[in-house]
Amino acid sequence: MTDLQRRLPRSKQPPRRTEMHVRPTAPILPASNIQGNALMVVIAIMAFLACLTLGAVSMVRATAAGWQSQISREITIQIKPEDGLDMNKALVRARDLALTFVGTRDGTIMDDDATARLLEPWLGTGLDINDLPVPRLVIITIDETHPPDFTAMRALLKEEVPQAFLDDHRTWVDRLVSMARTTVLVGSGILLLVFVAMVLTVVFATRGALSGNRHIIEVLHFVGAEGSFVAQEFQKHFLKISLKGAAAGGLAAATLFALASYWQSRSLATPESDQTAALFGTFSIGFMGYLGIFATMIVIALLTTLTARFTVIRTIYEIDLIRSDPARTDGLISD
């Protein structure tokens, strides 16, 4: 207040201006409606199926790689029993000969109890190995990166221990690699189909939800709002919807894998767990699997957001065409 205003009587002082309060603007689109909720459910379902397929393919690939690595790390020496053969001496001799080669790490002779346990599913318990012509085994652990010369090892064993037979599991490894590649290829094909279905479903569901808000686009455009502003507002709205739906589906799939892995770890050495592990391997998808689920969630959110933006821009373009020539309505999206 100036000195002149202080000297004037209160009745002659100019009235004070009332402070202006700006009312917060409401969002252009309603935070929740039927179209938005339906789209969120569709996105959640497709995200769950896509993440579930991605985790399954990752699990199969990891299990096949583990099987291949386990078989490739070991070779087996079989010694057939013969009359007059000192089996224990032959086993020790075969093990020592194999360990002389570069690329071998350790050798283990399977004793009578271990051999009997291998035959229990077929011959039952209480077996006397000495009364049966059962081959005895020597397990040799090798270096996968620098394996030994199997041809030279096989020739040396044949010369020193004629009853010995070297099995390097090459046939099993080749079959397992072929099976693993086929399984991963089939799983990748299924994953690709799921992603294509997800893309189409999300795109059409987003466009369907936007068609219900076409009148909002028209009103904003008629009052002079720029196309980029309208597209940005719809983009923000559908980004929130897609993030919620993708997060719900992705977290549901990740929780399912985590619970399955927890159940398997808590039920080790049980018939149910053993049969499940034999059929499907471990349910642990690892860090890369969970990272793939997170990436799938981001892709779905971006896909929905870009679809919303392009649809709004196309709608504004169609409105301008109709305004310039009302007869040009063929092929345009109707309400």
C-alpha atoms as a PDB file:
ATOM      1  CA  MET A   1       0.000   0.000   0.000  1.00  0.00           C
ATOM      2  CA  THR A   2       1.363   3.457  -1.018  1.00  0.00           C
ATOM      3  CA  ASP A   3       1.518   6.585   1.224  1.00  0.00           C
ATOM      4  CA  LEU A   4      -1.344   8.217  -0.707  1.00  0.00           C
ATOM      5  CA  GLN A   5      -3.572   5.214  -0.063  1.00  0.00           C
ATOM      6  CA  ARG A   6      -2.773   5.356   3.663  1.00  0.00           C
ATOM      7  CA  ARG A   7      -3.784   9.051   3.885  1.00  0.00           C
ATOM      8  CA  LEU A   8      -7.127   8.538   2.115  1.00  0.00           C
ATOM      9  CA  PRO A   9     -10.155   7.604   4.208  1.00  0.00           C
ATOM     10  CA  ARG A  10     -11.108   3.940   4.121  1.00  0.00           C
ATOM     11  CA  SER A  11     -14.331   4.807   2.280  1.00  0.00           C
ATOM     12  CA  LYS A  12     -12.403   6.450  -0.578  1.00  0.00           C
ATOM     13  CA  GLN A  13      -9.778   3.733  -0.990  1.00  0.00           C
ATOM     14  CA  PRO A  14     -10.138   1.570  -4.130  1.00  0.00           C
ATOM     15  CA  PRO A  15     -11.561  -1.877  -3.474  1.00  0.00           C
ATOM     16  CA  ARG A  16      -9.087  -4.719  -3.186  1.00  0.00           C
ATOM     17  CA  ARG A  17      -9.022  -7.384  -5.846  1.00  0.00           C
ATOM     18  CA  THR A  18     -10.060 -10.802  -4.741  1.00  0.00           C
ATOM     19  CA  GLU A  19      -7.482 -13.517  -5.185  1.00  0.00           C
ATOM     20  CA  MET A  20      -8.124 -15.845  -8.096  1.00  0.00           C
ATOM     21  CA  HIS A  21      -8.117 -19.590  -7.490  1.00  0.00           C
ATOM     22  CA  VAL A  22      -7.571 -21.788 -10.509  1.00  0.00           C
ATOM     23  CA  ARG A  23      -9.726 -24.843 -10.357  1.00  0.00           C
ATOM     24  CA  PRO A  24      -7.794 -28.000 -11.292  1.00  0.00           C
ATOM     25  CA  THR A  25      -8.790 -29.253 -14.698  1.00  0.00           C
ATOM     26  CA  ALA A  26     -10.392 -32.650 -14.985  1.00  0.00           C
ATOM     27  CA  PRO A  27      -8.907 -35.225 -17.352  1.00  0.00           C
ATOM     28  CA  ILE A  28     -10.247 -35.189 -20.881  1.00  0.00           C
ATOM     29  CA  LEU A  29     -10.949 -38.899 -20.778  1.00  0.00           C
ATOM     30  CA  PRO A  30     -12.700 -40.565 -17.834  1.00  0.00           C
ATOM     31  CA  ALA A  31     -10.318 -42.464 -15.619  1.00  0.00           C
ATOM     32  CA  SER A  32     -12.429 -45.601 -15.804  1.00  0.00           C
ATOM     33  CA  ASN A  33     -15.106 -46.734 -18.240  1.00  0.00           C
ATOM     34  CA  ILE A  34     -16.390 -49.929 -19.775  1.00  0.00           C
ATOM     35  CA  GLN A  35     -14.118 -49.768 -22.817  1.00  0.00           C
ATOM     36  CA  GLY A  36     -11.029 -49.052 -20.738  1.00  0.00           C
ATOM     37  CA  ASN A  37     -11.751 -51.870 -18.279  1.00  0.00           C
ATOM     38  CA  ALA A  38     -12.413 -54.329 -21.087  1.00  0.00           C
ATOM     39  CA  LEU A  39      -9.183 -53.350 -22.797  1.00  0.00           C
ATOM     40  CA  MET A  40      -7.271 -53.770 -19.541  1.00  0.00           C
ATOM     41  CA  VAL A  41      -8.650 -57.299 -19.102  1.00  0.00           C
ATOM     42  CA  VAL A  42      -7.756 -58.218 -22.696  1.00  0.00           C
ATOM     43  CA  ILE A  43      -4.219 -56.877 -22.271  1.00  0.00           C
ATOM     44  CA  ALA A  44      -3.799 -58.749 -18.977  1.00  0.00           C
ATOM     45  CA  ILE A  45      -4.920 -62.053 -20.526  1.00  0.00           C
ATOM     46  CA  MET A  46      -2.696 -61.709 -23.594  1.00  0.00           C
ATOM     47  CA  ALA A  47       0.256 -60.604 -21.468  1.00  0.00           C
ATOM     48  CA  PHE A  48      -0.223 -63.639 -19.218  1.00  0.00           C
ATOM     49  CA  LEU A  49      -0.334 -66.048 -22.173  1.00  0.00           C
ATOM     50  CA  ALA A  50       2.663 -64.429 -23.881  1.00  0.00           C
ATOM     51  CA  CYS A  51       4.769 -64.413 -20.695  1.00  0.00           C
ATOM     52  CA  LEU A  52       3.718 -67.983 -19.889  1.00  0.00           C
ATOM     53  CA  THR A  53       4.803 -69.171 -23.339  1.00  0.00           C
ATOM     54  CA  LEU A  54       8.045 -67.203 -23.120  1.00  0.00           C
ATOM     55  CA  GLY A  55       8.850 -68.708 -19.715  1.00  0.00           C
ATOM     56  CA  ALA A  56       8.038 -72.217 -20.939  1.00  0.00           C
ATOM     57  CA  VAL A  57      10.345 -71.884 -23.947  1.00  0.00           C
ATOM     58  CA  SER A  58      13.091 -70.508 -21.701  1.00  0.00           C
ATOM     59  CA  MET A  59      12.588 -73.393 -19.265  1.00  0.00           C
ATOM     60  CA  VAL A  60      12.745 -76.026 -22.022  1.00  0.00           C
ATOM     61  CA  ARG A  61      15.898 -74.458 -23.485  1.00  0.00           C
ATOM     62  CA  ALA A  62      17.621 -74.374 -20.081  1.00  0.00           C
ATOM     63  CA  THR A  63      16.586 -77.964 -19.274  1.00  0.00           C
ATOM     64  CA  ALA A  64      17.816 -79.280 -22.628  1.00  0.00           C
ATOM     65  CA  ALA A  65      21.102 -77.427 -22.214  1.00  0.00           C
ATOM     66  CA  GLY A  66      21.508 -78.934 -18.737  1.00  0.00           C
ATOM     67  CA  TRP A  67      20.870 -82.455 -20.022  1.00  0.00           C
ATOM     68  CA  GLN A  68      23.344 -81.991 -22.852  1.00  0.00           C
ATOM     69  CA  SER A  69      25.972 -80.604 -20.491  1.00  0.00           C
ATOM     70  CA  GLN A  70      25.545 -83.474 -18.025  1.00  0.00           C
ATOM     71  CA  ILE A  71      25.893 -86.129 -20.719  1.00  0.00           C
ATOM     72  CA  SER A  72      28.827 -84.361 -22.355  1.00  0.00           C
ATOM     73  CA  ARG A  73      30.746 -84.155 -19.055  1.00  0.00           C
ATOM     74  CA  GLU A  74      31.013 -87.916 -18.599  1.00  0.00           C
ATOM     75  CA  ILE A  75      32.044 -91.032 -20.472  1.00  0.00           C
ATOM     76  CA  THR A  76      31.472 -94.617 -19.398  1.00  0.00           C
ATOM     77  CA  ILE A  77      33.765 -97.644 -19.525  1.00  0.00           C
ATOM     78  CA  GLN A  78      31.929-100.974 -19.421  1.00  0.00           C
ATOM     79  CA  ILE A  79      33.759-104.155 -18.506  1.00  0.00           C
ATOM     80  CA  LYS A  80      32.005-107.425 -19.258  1.00  0.00           C
ATOM     81  CA  PRO A  81      32.594-110.299 -16.836  1.00  0.00           C
ATOM     82  CA  GLU A  82      34.436-113.375 -18.107  1.00  0.00           C
ATOM     83  CA  ASP A  83      35.680-116.557 -16.564  1.00  0.00           C
ATOM     84  CA  GLY A  84      39.009-116.021 -14.876  1.00  0.00           C
ATOM     85  CA  LEU A  85      38.789-112.208 -15.036  1.00  0.00           C
ATOM     86  CA  ASP A  86      39.683-110.291 -11.889  1.00  0.00           C
ATOM     87  CA  MET A  87      36.931-107.675 -12.131  1.00  0.00           C
ATOM     88  CA  ASN A  88      38.253-105.337  -9.448  1.00  0.00           C
ATOM     89  CA  LYS A  89      41.727-105.315 -10.958  1.00  0.00           C
ATOM     90  CA  ALA A  90      40.303-104.715 -14.441  1.00  0.00           C
ATOM     91  CA  LEU A  91      38.191-101.794 -13.180  1.00  0.00           C
ATOM     92  CA  VAL A  92      41.164-100.105 -11.533  1.00  0.00           C
ATOM     93  CA  ARG A  93      43.322-100.704 -14.601  1.00  0.00           C
ATOM     94  CA  ALA A  94      40.718 -99.211 -16.954  1.00  0.00           C
ATOM     95  CA  ARG A  95      40.265 -96.166 -14.743  1.00  0.00           C
ATOM     96  CA  ASP A  96      43.998 -95.524 -14.495  1.00  0.00           C
ATOM     97  CA  LEU A  97      44.482 -95.877 -18.241  1.00  0.00           C
ATOM     98  CA  ALA A  98      41.665 -93.395 -18.962  1.00  0.00           C
ATOM     99  CA  LEU A  99      43.054 -90.843 -16.522  1.00  0.00           C
ATOM    100  CA  THR A 100      46.388 -90.792 -18.329  1.00  0.00           C
ATOM    101  CA  PHE A 101      44.796 -88.893 -21.226  1.00  0.00           C
ATOM    102  CA  VAL A 102      44.739 -85.110 -21.316  1.00  0.00           C
ATOM    103  CA  GLY A 103      41.177 -83.839 -20.901  1.00  0.00           C
ATOM    104  CA  THR A 104      40.100 -86.278 -18.180  1.00  0.00           C
ATOM    105  CA  ARG A 105      39.489 -85.013 -14.657  1.00  0.00           C
ATOM    106  CA  ASP A 106      38.288 -87.795 -12.401  1.00  0.00           C
ATOM    107  CA  GLY A 107      37.300 -91.462 -12.438  1.00  0.00           C
ATOM    108  CA  THR A 108      34.781 -93.322 -10.266  1.00  0.00           C
ATOM    109  CA  ILE A 109      34.283 -97.075 -10.079  1.00  0.00           C
ATOM    110  CA  MET A 110      30.675 -98.039  -9.431  1.00  0.00           C
ATOM    111  CA  ASP A 111      30.627-100.531  -6.598  1.00  0.00           C
ATOM    112  CA  ASP A 112      28.271-103.493  -6.231  1.00  0.00           C
ATOM    113  CA  ASP A 113      25.656-101.552  -4.276  1.00  0.00           C
ATOM    114  CA  ALA A 114      25.492 -98.755  -6.869  1.00  0.00           C
ATOM    115  CA  THR A 115      25.208-101.268  -9.713  1.00  0.00           C
ATOM    116  CA  ALA A 116      22.442-103.129  -7.866  1.00  0.00           C
ATOM    117  CA  ARG A 117      20.502 -99.879  -7.393  1.00  0.00           C
ATOM    118  CA  LEU A 118      20.629 -99.308 -11.140  1.00  0.00           C
ATOM    119  CA  LEU A 119      18.998-102.714 -11.726  1.00  0.00           C
ATOM    120  CA  GLU A 120      16.357-102.442  -8.998  1.00  0.00           C
ATOM    121  CA  PRO A 121      13.572-101.076 -11.264  1.00  0.00           C
ATOM    122  CA  TRP A 122      13.854-104.195 -13.482  1.00  0.00           C
ATOM    123  CA  LEU A 123      15.170-107.003 -11.236  1.00  0.00           C
ATOM    124  CA  GLY A 124      14.038-105.899  -7.786  1.00  0.00           C
ATOM    125  CA  THR A 125      16.030-105.713  -4.546  1.00  0.00           C
ATOM    126  CA  GLY A 126      18.390-108.173  -2.880  1.00  0.00           C
ATOM    127  CA  LEU A 127      20.477-108.883  -5.967  1.00  0.00           C
ATOM    128  CA  ASP A 128      23.868-110.559  -5.806  1.00  0.00           C
ATOM    129  CA  ILE A 129      25.882-108.950  -8.588  1.00  0.00           C
ATOM    130  CA  ASN A 130      28.504-111.706  -8.495  1.00  0.00           C
ATOM    131  CA  ASP A 131      25.885-114.298  -9.526  1.00  0.00           C
ATOM    132  CA  LEU A 132      24.789-112.319 -12.613  1.00  0.00           C
ATOM    133  CA  PRO A 133      26.747-111.534 -15.797  1.00  0.00           C
ATOM    134  CA  VAL A 134      26.289-107.818 -15.258  1.00  0.00           C
ATOM    135  CA  PRO A 135      28.835-105.411 -16.760  1.00  0.00           C
ATOM    136  CA  ARG A 136      30.608-103.155 -14.281  1.00  0.00           C
ATOM    137  CA  LEU A 137      31.010 -99.465 -14.934  1.00  0.00           C
ATOM    138  CA  VAL A 138      33.706 -96.825 -14.577  1.00  0.00           C
ATOM    139  CA  ILE A 139      32.519 -93.208 -14.822  1.00  0.00           C
ATOM    140  CA  ILE A 140      35.141 -90.795 -16.189  1.00  0.00           C
ATOM    141  CA  THR A 141      34.583 -87.047 -15.856  1.00  0.00           C
ATOM    142  CA  ILE A 142      36.032 -85.080 -18.763  1.00  0.00           C
ATOM    143  CA  ASP A 143      36.664 -81.469 -19.673  1.00  0.00           C
ATOM    144  CA  GLU A 144      33.862 -80.329 -22.022  1.00  0.00           C
ATOM    145  CA  THR A 145      35.948 -77.611 -23.610  1.00  0.00           C
ATOM    146  CA  HIS A 146      39.011 -79.844 -24.214  1.00  0.00           C
ATOM    147  CA  PRO A 147      37.831 -83.477 -24.396  1.00  0.00           C
ATOM    148  CA  PRO A 148      40.341 -86.297 -24.665  1.00  0.00           C
ATOM    149  CA  ASP A 149      41.121 -88.303 -27.783  1.00  0.00           C
ATOM    150  CA  PHE A 150      38.392 -90.945 -27.589  1.00  0.00           C
ATOM    151  CA  THR A 151      39.757 -92.952 -30.509  1.00  0.00           C
ATOM    152  CA  ALA A 152      43.176 -93.366 -28.892  1.00  0.00           C
ATOM    153  CA  MET A 153      41.593 -94.095 -25.517  1.00  0.00           C
ATOM    154  CA  ARG A 154      39.343 -96.761 -27.016  1.00  0.00           C
ATOM    155  CA  ALA A 155      42.295 -98.411 -28.772  1.00  0.00           C
ATOM    156  CA  LEU A 156      44.430 -98.418 -25.608  1.00  0.00           C
ATOM    157  CA  LEU A 157      41.637 -99.897 -23.507  1.00  0.00           C
ATOM    158  CA  LYS A 158      41.018-102.596 -26.098  1.00  0.00           C
ATOM    159  CA  GLU A 159      44.683-103.514 -25.998  1.00  0.00           C
ATOM    160  CA  GLU A 160      45.184-103.478 -22.223  1.00  0.00           C
ATOM    161  CA  VAL A 161      41.721-104.598 -21.067  1.00  0.00           C
ATOM    162  CA  PRO A 162      40.036-106.539 -23.916  1.00  0.00           C
ATOM    163  CA  GLN A 163      36.765-106.826 -21.992  1.00  0.00           C
ATOM    164  CA  ALA A 164      36.431-103.016 -21.755  1.00  0.00           C
ATOM    165  CA  PHE A 165      34.137-100.980 -23.982  1.00  0.00           C
ATOM    166  CA  LEU A 166      34.269 -97.177 -24.098  1.00  0.00           C
ATOM    167  CA  ASP A 167      30.953 -95.336 -24.485  1.00  0.00           C
ATOM    168  CA  ASP A 168      31.433 -91.591 -25.101  1.00  0.00           C
ATOM    169  CA  HIS A 169      27.642 -90.997 -25.335  1.00  0.00           C
ATOM    170  CA  ARG A 170      28.097 -89.346 -28.708  1.00  0.00           C
ATOM    171  CA  THR A 171      24.937 -90.969 -30.060  1.00  0.00           C
ATOM    172  CA  TRP A 172      22.905 -89.792 -27.078  1.00  0.00           C
ATOM    173  CA  VAL A 173      24.363 -86.293 -27.293  1.00  0.00           C
ATOM    174  CA  ASP A 174      23.509 -86.026 -30.995  1.00  0.00           C
ATOM    175  CA  ARG A 175      19.965 -87.219 -30.385  1.00  0.00           C
ATOM    176  CA  LEU A 176      19.539 -84.897 -27.417  1.00  0.00           C
ATOM    177  CA  VAL A 177      20.844 -81.912 -29.352  1.00  0.00           C
ATOM    178  CA  SER A 178      18.458 -82.700 -32.207  1.00  0.00           C
ATOM    179  CA  MET A 179      15.540 -83.112 -29.809  1.00  0.00           C
ATOM    180  CA  ALA A 180      16.430 -79.901 -27.946  1.00  0.00           C
ATOM    181  CA  ARG A 181      16.667 -77.909 -31.155  1.00  0.00           C
ATOM    182  CA  THR A 182      13.349 -79.289 -32.381  1.00  0.00           C
ATOM    183  CA  THR A 183      11.649 -78.553 -29.055  1.00  0.00           C
ATOM    184  CA  VAL A 184      13.012 -75.024 -28.908  1.00  0.00           C
ATOM    185  CA  LEU A 185      12.050 -74.453 -32.545  1.00  0.00           C
ATOM    186  CA  VAL A 186       8.490 -75.640 -31.910  1.00  0.00           C
ATOM    187  CA  GLY A 187       8.294 -73.549 -28.737  1.00  0.00           C
ATOM    188  CA  SER A 188       9.620 -70.501 -30.562  1.00  0.00           C
ATOM    189  CA  GLY A 189       6.997 -71.013 -33.279  1.00  0.00           C
ATOM    190  CA  ILE A 190       4.250 -71.205 -30.662  1.00  0.00           C
ATOM    191  CA  LEU A 191       5.682 -68.112 -28.975  1.00  0.00           C
ATOM    192  CA  LEU A 192       5.645 -66.277 -32.312  1.00  0.00           C
ATOM    193  CA  LEU A 193       2.012 -67.239 -32.896  1.00  0.00           C
ATOM    194  CA  VAL A 194       1.074 -66.087 -29.407  1.00  0.00           C
ATOM    195  CA  PHE A 195       2.820 -62.755 -29.960  1.00  0.00           C
ATOM    196  CA  VAL A 196       1.066 -62.277 -33.312  1.00  0.00           C
ATOM    197  CA  ALA A 197      -2.294 -63.051 -31.705  1.00  0.00           C
ATOM    198  CA  MET A 198      -1.415 -60.700 -28.851  1.00  0.00           C
ATOM    199  CA  VAL A 199      -0.502 -57.898 -31.265  1.00  0.00           C
ATOM    200  CA  LEU A 200      -3.712 -58.274 -33.263  1.00  0.00           C
ATOM    201  CA  THR A 201      -5.876 -58.562 -30.164  1.00  0.00           C
ATOM    202  CA  VAL A 202      -4.328 -55.538 -28.472  1.00  0.00           C
ATOM    203  CA  VAL A 203      -4.513 -53.435 -31.652  1.00  0.00           C
ATOM    204  CA  PHE A 204      -8.176 -54.200 -32.346  1.00  0.00           C
ATOM    205  CA  ALA A 205      -9.135 -53.898 -28.678  1.00  0.00           C
ATOM    206  CA  THR A 206      -7.425 -50.508 -28.497  1.00  0.00           C
ATOM    207  CA  ARG A 207      -9.138 -49.292 -31.653  1.00  0.00           C
ATOM    208  CA  GLY A 208     -12.454 -50.571 -30.325  1.00  0.00           C
ATOM    209  CA  ALA A 209     -11.966 -48.666 -27.087  1.00  0.00           C
ATOM    210  CA  LEU A 210     -11.024 -45.538 -29.025  1.00  0.00           C
ATOM    211  CA  SER A 211     -14.103 -45.779 -31.233  1.00  0.00           C
ATOM    212  CA  GLY A 212     -16.217 -45.279 -28.126  1.00  0.00           C
ATOM    213  CA  ASN A 213     -14.384 -42.002 -27.474  1.00  0.00           C
ATOM    214  CA  ARG A 214     -14.538 -40.716 -31.046  1.00  0.00           C
ATOM    215  CA  HIS A 215     -16.939 -37.940 -30.053  1.00  0.00           C
ATOM    216  CA  ILE A 216     -14.333 -36.586 -27.629  1.00  0.00           C
ATOM    217  CA  ILE A 217     -11.776 -36.393 -30.424  1.00  0.00           C
ATOM    218  CA  GLU A 218     -14.271 -34.590 -32.655  1.00  0.00           C
ATOM    219  CA  VAL A 219     -15.177 -32.022 -29.980  1.00  0.00           C
ATOM    220  CA  LEU A 220     -11.551 -31.293 -29.141  1.00  0.00           C
ATOM    221  CA  HIS A 221     -10.670 -30.932 -32.794  1.00  0.00           C
ATOM    222  CA  PHE A 222     -13.644 -28.650 -33.518  1.00  0.00           C
ATOM    223  CA  VAL A 223     -12.750 -26.266 -30.657  1.00  0.00           C
ATOM    224  CA  GLY A 224      -9.254 -25.863 -32.094  1.00  0.00           C
ATOM    225  CA  ALA A 225      -7.144 -28.342 -30.165  1.00  0.00           C
ATOM    226  CA  GLU A 226      -4.054 -29.408 -32.072  1.00  0.00           C
ATOM    227  CA  GLY A 227      -3.829 -32.971 -33.258  1.00  0.00           C
ATOM    228  CA  SER A 228      -0.606 -33.581 -31.347  1.00  0.00           C
ATOM    229  CA  PHE A 229      -2.257 -32.434 -28.094  1.00  0.00           C
ATOM    230  CA  VAL A 230      -5.266 -34.707 -28.580  1.00  0.00           C
ATOM    231  CA  ALA A 231      -3.031 -37.654 -29.490  1.00  0.00           C
ATOM    232  CA  GLN A 232      -0.852 -37.022 -26.443  1.00  0.00           C
ATOM    233  CA  GLU A 233      -3.833 -37.000 -24.087  1.00  0.00           C
ATOM    234  CA  PHE A 234      -5.186 -40.263 -25.465  1.00  0.00           C
ATOM    235  CA  GLN A 235      -1.673 -41.705 -25.472  1.00  0.00           C
ATOM    236  CA  LYS A 236      -1.261 -40.995 -21.745  1.00  0.00           C
ATOM    237  CA  HIS A 237      -4.662 -42.484 -20.972  1.00  0.00           C
ATOM    238  CA  PHE A 238      -4.072 -45.731 -22.838  1.00  0.00           C
ATOM    239  CA  LEU A 239      -0.506 -45.976 -21.565  1.00  0.00           C
ATOM    240  CA  LYS A 240      -1.860 -46.172 -18.012  1.00  0.00           C
ATOM    241  CA  ILE A 241      -4.392 -48.801 -19.025  1.00  0.00           C
ATOM    242  CA  SER A 242      -1.814 -50.896 -20.874  1.00  0.00           C
ATOM    243  CA  LEU A 243       0.714 -50.687 -18.047  1.00  0.00           C
ATOM    244  CA  LYS A 244      -1.863 -51.898 -15.541  1.00  0.00           C
ATOM    245  CA  GLY A 245      -3.009 -54.750 -17.760  1.00  0.00           C
ATOM    246  CA  ALA A 246       0.480 -55.832 -18.835  1.00  0.00           C
ATOM    247  CA  ALA A 247       1.757 -55.644 -15.258  1.00  0.00           C
ATOM    248  CA  ALA A 248      -1.142 -57.785 -14.021  1.00  0.00           C
ATOM    249  CA  GLY A 249      -0.607 -60.464 -16.682  1.00  0.00           C
ATOM    250  CA  GLY A 250       3.191 -60.450 -16.432  1.00  0.00           C
ATOM    251  CA  LEU A 251       3.208 -60.601 -12.630  1.00  0.00           C
ATOM    252  CA  ALA A 252       0.668 -63.435 -12.701  1.00  0.00           C
ATOM    253  CA  ALA A 253       2.918 -65.468 -15.026  1.00  0.00           C
ATOM    254  CA  ALA A 254       6.051 -64.694 -12.980  1.00  0.00           C
ATOM    255  CA  THR A 255       4.232 -65.641  -9.764  1.00  0.00           C
ATOM    256  CA  LEU A 256       3.118 -68.924 -11.315  1.00  0.00           C
ATOM    257  CA  PHE A 257       6.691 -69.860 -12.252  1.00  0.00           C
ATOM    258  CA  ALA A 258       7.993 -68.764  -8.831  1.00  0.00           C
ATOM    259  CA  LEU A 259       5.367 -70.856  -7.003  1.00  0.00           C
ATOM    260  CA  ALA A 260       6.061 -73.879  -9.217  1.00  0.00           C
ATOM    261  CA  SER A 261       9.811 -73.544  -8.573  1.00  0.00           C
ATOM    262  CA  TYR A 262       9.198 -73.181  -4.829  1.00  0.00           C
ATOM    263  CA  TRP A 263       6.971 -76.262  -4.772  1.00  0.00           C
ATOM    264  CA  GLN A 264       9.558 -78.279  -6.659  1.00  0.00           C
ATOM    265  CA  SER A 265      12.357 -77.205  -4.309  1.00  0.00           C
ATOM    266  CA  ARG A 266      10.250 -78.107  -1.256  1.00  0.00           C
ATOM    267  CA  SER A 267       9.236 -81.529  -2.555  1.00  0.00           C
ATOM    268  CA  LEU A 268      12.576 -82.971  -3.634  1.00  0.00           C
ATOM    269  CA  ALA A 269      13.008 -86.762  -3.621  1.00  0.00           C
ATOM    270  CA  THR A 270       9.233 -87.331  -3.782  1.00  0.00           C
ATOM    271  CA  PRO A 271       7.529 -89.348  -6.541  1.00  0.00           C
ATOM    272  CA  GLU A 272       5.509 -86.338  -7.723  1.00  0.00           C
ATOM    273  CA  SER A 273       8.546 -84.071  -7.944  1.00  0.00           C
ATOM    274  CA  ASP A 274      10.702 -86.740  -9.595  1.00  0.00           C
ATOM    275  CA  GLN A 275       8.099 -87.474 -12.276  1.00  0.00           C
ATOM    276  CA  THR A 276       7.532 -83.763 -12.913  1.00  0.00           C
ATOM    277  CA  ALA A 277      11.266 -83.119 -13.176  1.00  0.00           C
ATOM    278  CA  ALA A 278      11.661 -86.065 -15.555  1.00  0.00           C
ATOM    279  CA  LEU A 279       8.937 -84.733 -17.853  1.00  0.00           C
ATOM    280  CA  PHE A 280       9.455 -80.970 -17.665  1.00  0.00           C
ATOM    281  CA  GLY A 281      12.771 -80.425 -15.921  1.00  0.00           C
ATOM    282  CA  THR A 282      13.053 -77.669 -13.342  1.00  0.00           C
ATOM    283  CA  PHE A 283      10.470 -74.876 -13.257  1.00  0.00           C
ATOM    284  CA  SER A 284      13.126 -72.240 -12.661  1.00  0.00           C
ATOM    285  CA  ILE A 285      13.294 -69.852 -15.638  1.00  0.00           C
ATOM    286  CA  GLY A 286      16.275 -67.895 -14.289  1.00  0.00           C
ATOM    287  CA  PHE A 287      17.094 -64.226 -14.531  1.00  0.00           C
ATOM    288  CA  MET A 288      16.815 -64.118 -18.327  1.00  0.00           C
ATOM    289  CA  GLY A 289      13.328 -65.612 -18.174  1.00  0.00           C
ATOM    290  CA  TYR A 290      12.075 -62.961 -15.758  1.00  0.00           C
ATOM    291  CA  LEU A 291      13.832 -60.305 -17.831  1.00  0.00           C
ATOM    292  CA  GLY A 292      11.971 -61.590 -20.890  1.00  0.00           C
ATOM    293  CA  ILE A 293       8.670 -61.328 -19.010  1.00  0.00           C
ATOM    294  CA  PHE A 294       9.462 -57.723 -18.091  1.00  0.00           C
ATOM    295  CA  ALA A 295      10.399 -56.949 -21.701  1.00  0.00           C
ATOM    296  CA  THR A 296       7.110 -58.475 -22.878  1.00  0.00           C
ATOM    297  CA  MET A 297       5.210 -56.183 -20.504  1.00  0.00           C
ATOM    298  CA  ILE A 298       7.026 -53.143 -21.910  1.00  0.00           C
ATOM    299  CA  VAL A 299       6.381 -54.222 -25.507  1.00  0.00           C
ATOM    300  CA  ILE A 300       2.655 -54.627 -24.835  1.00  0.00           C
ATOM    301  CA  ALA A 301       2.454 -51.197 -23.181  1.00  0.00           C
ATOM    302  CA  LEU A 302       4.298 -49.516 -26.050  1.00  0.00           C
ATOM    303  CA  LEU A 303       2.215 -51.360 -28.631  1.00  0.00           C
ATOM    304  CA  THR A 304      -1.042 -50.186 -27.041  1.00  0.00           C
ATOM    305  CA  THR A 305       0.229 -46.616 -26.698  1.00  0.00           C
ATOM    306  CA  LEU A 306       1.398 -46.369 -30.313  1.00  0.00           C
ATOM    307  CA  THR A 307      -1.859 -47.907 -31.532  1.00  0.00           C
ATOM    308  CA  ALA A 308      -3.816 -45.278 -29.607  1.00  0.00           C
ATOM    309  CA  ARG A 309      -1.696 -42.450 -31.023  1.00  0.00           C
ATOM    310  CA  PHE A 310      -1.929 -43.604 -34.642  1.00  0.00           C
ATOM    311  CA  THR A 311      -5.669 -44.224 -34.315  1.00  0.00           C
ATOM    312  CA  VAL A 312      -6.281 -40.724 -32.958  1.00  0.00           C
ATOM    313  CA  ILE A 313      -4.208 -39.143 -35.735  1.00  0.00           C
ATOM    314  CA  ARG A 314      -6.081 -41.178 -38.326  1.00  0.00           C
ATOM    315  CA  THR A 315      -9.419 -40.194 -36.794  1.00  0.00           C
ATOM    316  CA  ILE A 316      -8.507 -36.493 -36.951  1.00  0.00           C
ATOM    317  CA  TYR A 317      -7.452 -36.937 -40.571  1.00  0.00           C
ATOM    318  CA  GLU A 318     -10.802 -38.565 -41.372  1.00  0.00           C
ATOM    319  CA  ILE A 319     -12.682 -35.743 -39.623  1.00  0.00           C
ATOM    320  CA  ASP A 320     -10.824 -33.191 -41.741  1.00  0.00           C
ATOM    321  CA  LEU A 321     -11.702 -35.135 -44.893  1.00  0.00           C
ATOM    322  CA  ILE A 322     -15.381 -35.173 -43.989  1.00  0.00           C
ATOM    323  CA  ARG A 323     -15.337 -31.452 -43.168  1.00  0.00           C
ATOM    324  CA  SER A 324     -13.721 -30.630 -46.495  1.00  0.00           C
ATOM    325  CA  ASP A 325     -16.042 -32.910 -48.454  1.00  0.00           C
ATOM    326  CA  PRO A 326     -19.011 -34.407 -46.528  1.00  0.00           C
ATOM    327  CA  ALA A 327     -19.611 -36.873 -49.364  1.00  0.00           C
ATOM    328  CA  ARG A 328     -16.279 -38.619 -48.702  1.00  0.00           C
ATOM    329  CA  THR A 329     -17.427 -41.037 -46.033  1.00  0.00           C
ATOM    330  CA  ASP A 330     -16.745 -44.323 -47.851  1.00  0.00           C
ATOM    331  CA  GLY A 331     -14.171 -46.462 -46.099  1.00  0.00           C
ATOM    332  CA  LEU A 332     -13.971 -44.223 -43.022  1.00  0.00           C
ATOM    333  CA  ILE A 333     -14.467 -45.449 -39.505  1.00  0.00           C
ATOM    334  CA  SER A 334     -18.039 -44.990 -38.385  1.00  0.00           C
ATOM    335  CA  ASP A 335     -19.159 -44.350 -34.821  1.00  0.00           C
END
